[in-house]
Amino acid sequence: MKSAIEAPKRDNTDYHNAIAEVRRAFAEADAALGPEMLVSTKRKWKRNGNYVVKVTFKTRASGD
């Protein structure tokens, strides 16, 4: 228990900034495209170790 308390804390600043950026993007897309927007995501591990998430916002076509 003591080792868990004394362990160095992980810096999550970049994670929190990325999540905030995604939330802003959703809000902007909702304002621009309206509530009928479609959202798709693609996720991929890159060879260099990066994990990439691509979010695409589209307007819903009348037949969808």
C-alpha atoms as a PDB file:
ATOM      1  CA  MET A   1       0.000   0.000   0.000  1.00  0.00           C
ATOM      2  CA  LYS A   2       2.796   2.385   0.905  1.00  0.00           C
ATOM      3  CA  SER A   3       4.551   1.832  -2.434  1.00  0.00           C
ATOM      4  CA  ALA A   4       1.368   2.781  -4.300  1.00  0.00           C
ATOM      5  CA  ILE A   5       1.111   6.005  -2.335  1.00  0.00           C
ATOM      6  CA  GLU A   6       4.775   6.896  -2.860  1.00  0.00           C
ATOM      7  CA  ALA A   7       4.848   5.999  -6.577  1.00  0.00           C
ATOM      8  CA  PRO A   8       5.279   8.967  -8.920  1.00  0.00           C
ATOM      9  CA  LYS A   9       2.060  10.230 -10.437  1.00  0.00           C
ATOM     10  CA  ARG A  10       1.585  10.088 -14.196  1.00  0.00           C
ATOM     11  CA  ASP A  11       1.241  13.423 -16.006  1.00  0.00           C
ATOM     12  CA  ASN A  12      -2.096  13.297 -17.848  1.00  0.00           C
ATOM     13  CA  THR A  13      -1.937  16.867 -19.171  1.00  0.00           C
ATOM     14  CA  ASP A  14      -1.640  15.857 -22.846  1.00  0.00           C
ATOM     15  CA  TYR A  15      -4.480  13.352 -22.475  1.00  0.00           C
ATOM     16  CA  HIS A  16      -6.781  15.951 -20.909  1.00  0.00           C
ATOM     17  CA  ASN A  17      -5.891  18.516 -23.587  1.00  0.00           C
ATOM     18  CA  ALA A  18      -6.669  16.000 -26.346  1.00  0.00           C
ATOM     19  CA  ILE A  19     -10.034  15.089 -24.799  1.00  0.00           C
ATOM     20  CA  ALA A  20     -10.907  18.789 -24.469  1.00  0.00           C
ATOM     21  CA  GLU A  21     -10.004  19.325 -28.139  1.00  0.00           C
ATOM     22  CA  VAL A  22     -12.271  16.440 -29.203  1.00  0.00           C
ATOM     23  CA  ARG A  23     -15.137  17.842 -27.122  1.00  0.00           C
ATOM     24  CA  ARG A  24     -14.702  21.247 -28.784  1.00  0.00           C
ATOM     25  CA  ALA A  25     -14.684  19.575 -32.212  1.00  0.00           C
ATOM     26  CA  PHE A  26     -17.952  17.777 -31.419  1.00  0.00           C
ATOM     27  CA  ALA A  27     -19.547  21.022 -30.242  1.00  0.00           C
ATOM     28  CA  GLU A  28     -18.394  22.895 -33.357  1.00  0.00           C
ATOM     29  CA  ALA A  29     -19.603  20.108 -35.669  1.00  0.00           C
ATOM     30  CA  ASP A  30     -22.956  19.994 -33.917  1.00  0.00           C
ATOM     31  CA  ALA A  31     -23.345  23.763 -34.328  1.00  0.00           C
ATOM     32  CA  ALA A  32     -22.324  23.647 -37.997  1.00  0.00           C
ATOM     33  CA  LEU A  33     -24.032  20.432 -39.123  1.00  0.00           C
ATOM     34  CA  GLY A  34     -26.954  20.192 -36.717  1.00  0.00           C
ATOM     35  CA  PRO A  35     -28.079  17.296 -34.562  1.00  0.00           C
ATOM     36  CA  GLU A  36     -28.569  15.017 -37.584  1.00  0.00           C
ATOM     37  CA  MET A  37     -24.828  14.628 -38.187  1.00  0.00           C
ATOM     38  CA  LEU A  38     -23.122  11.284 -38.630  1.00  0.00           C
ATOM     39  CA  VAL A  39     -19.889  10.561 -36.800  1.00  0.00           C
ATOM     40  CA  SER A  40     -17.421   7.844 -37.745  1.00  0.00           C
ATOM     41  CA  THR A  41     -14.086   6.965 -36.201  1.00  0.00           C
ATOM     42  CA  LYS A  42     -11.005   5.085 -37.323  1.00  0.00           C
ATOM     43  CA  ARG A  43      -8.343   3.915 -34.892  1.00  0.00           C
ATOM     44  CA  LYS A  44      -4.911   2.612 -35.710  1.00  0.00           C
ATOM     45  CA  TRP A  45      -1.639   1.749 -34.006  1.00  0.00           C
ATOM     46  CA  LYS A  46       1.199   3.204 -36.066  1.00  0.00           C
ATOM     47  CA  ARG A  47       4.565   1.455 -36.438  1.00  0.00           C
ATOM     48  CA  ASN A  48       6.236   4.249 -34.482  1.00  0.00           C
ATOM     49  CA  GLY A  49       4.038   3.444 -31.465  1.00  0.00           C
ATOM     50  CA  ASN A  50       1.547   6.281 -31.911  1.00  0.00           C
ATOM     51  CA  TYR A  51      -2.139   5.523 -31.574  1.00  0.00           C
ATOM     52  CA  VAL A  52      -4.147   7.600 -34.062  1.00  0.00           C
ATOM     53  CA  VAL A  53      -7.880   8.276 -33.801  1.00  0.00           C
ATOM     54  CA  LYS A  54      -9.556   9.944 -36.772  1.00  0.00           C
ATOM     55  CA  VAL A  55     -13.043  11.371 -36.268  1.00  0.00           C
ATOM     56  CA  THR A  56     -15.137  12.318 -39.312  1.00  0.00           C
ATOM     57  CA  PHE A  57     -18.303  14.418 -39.067  1.00  0.00           C
ATOM     58  CA  LYS A  58     -20.764  14.336 -41.991  1.00  0.00           C
ATOM     59  CA  THR A  59     -24.233  15.623 -42.629  1.00  0.00           C
ATOM     60  CA  ARG A  60     -26.860  12.937 -42.832  1.00  0.00           C
ATOM     61  CA  ALA A  61     -28.165  12.512 -46.377  1.00  0.00           C
ATOM     62  CA  SER A  62     -31.942  12.506 -46.715  1.00  0.00           C
ATOM     63  CA  GLY A  63     -31.989   8.764 -47.500  1.00  0.00           C
ATOM     64  CA  ASP A  64     -29.824   7.672 -44.539  1.00  0.00           C
END
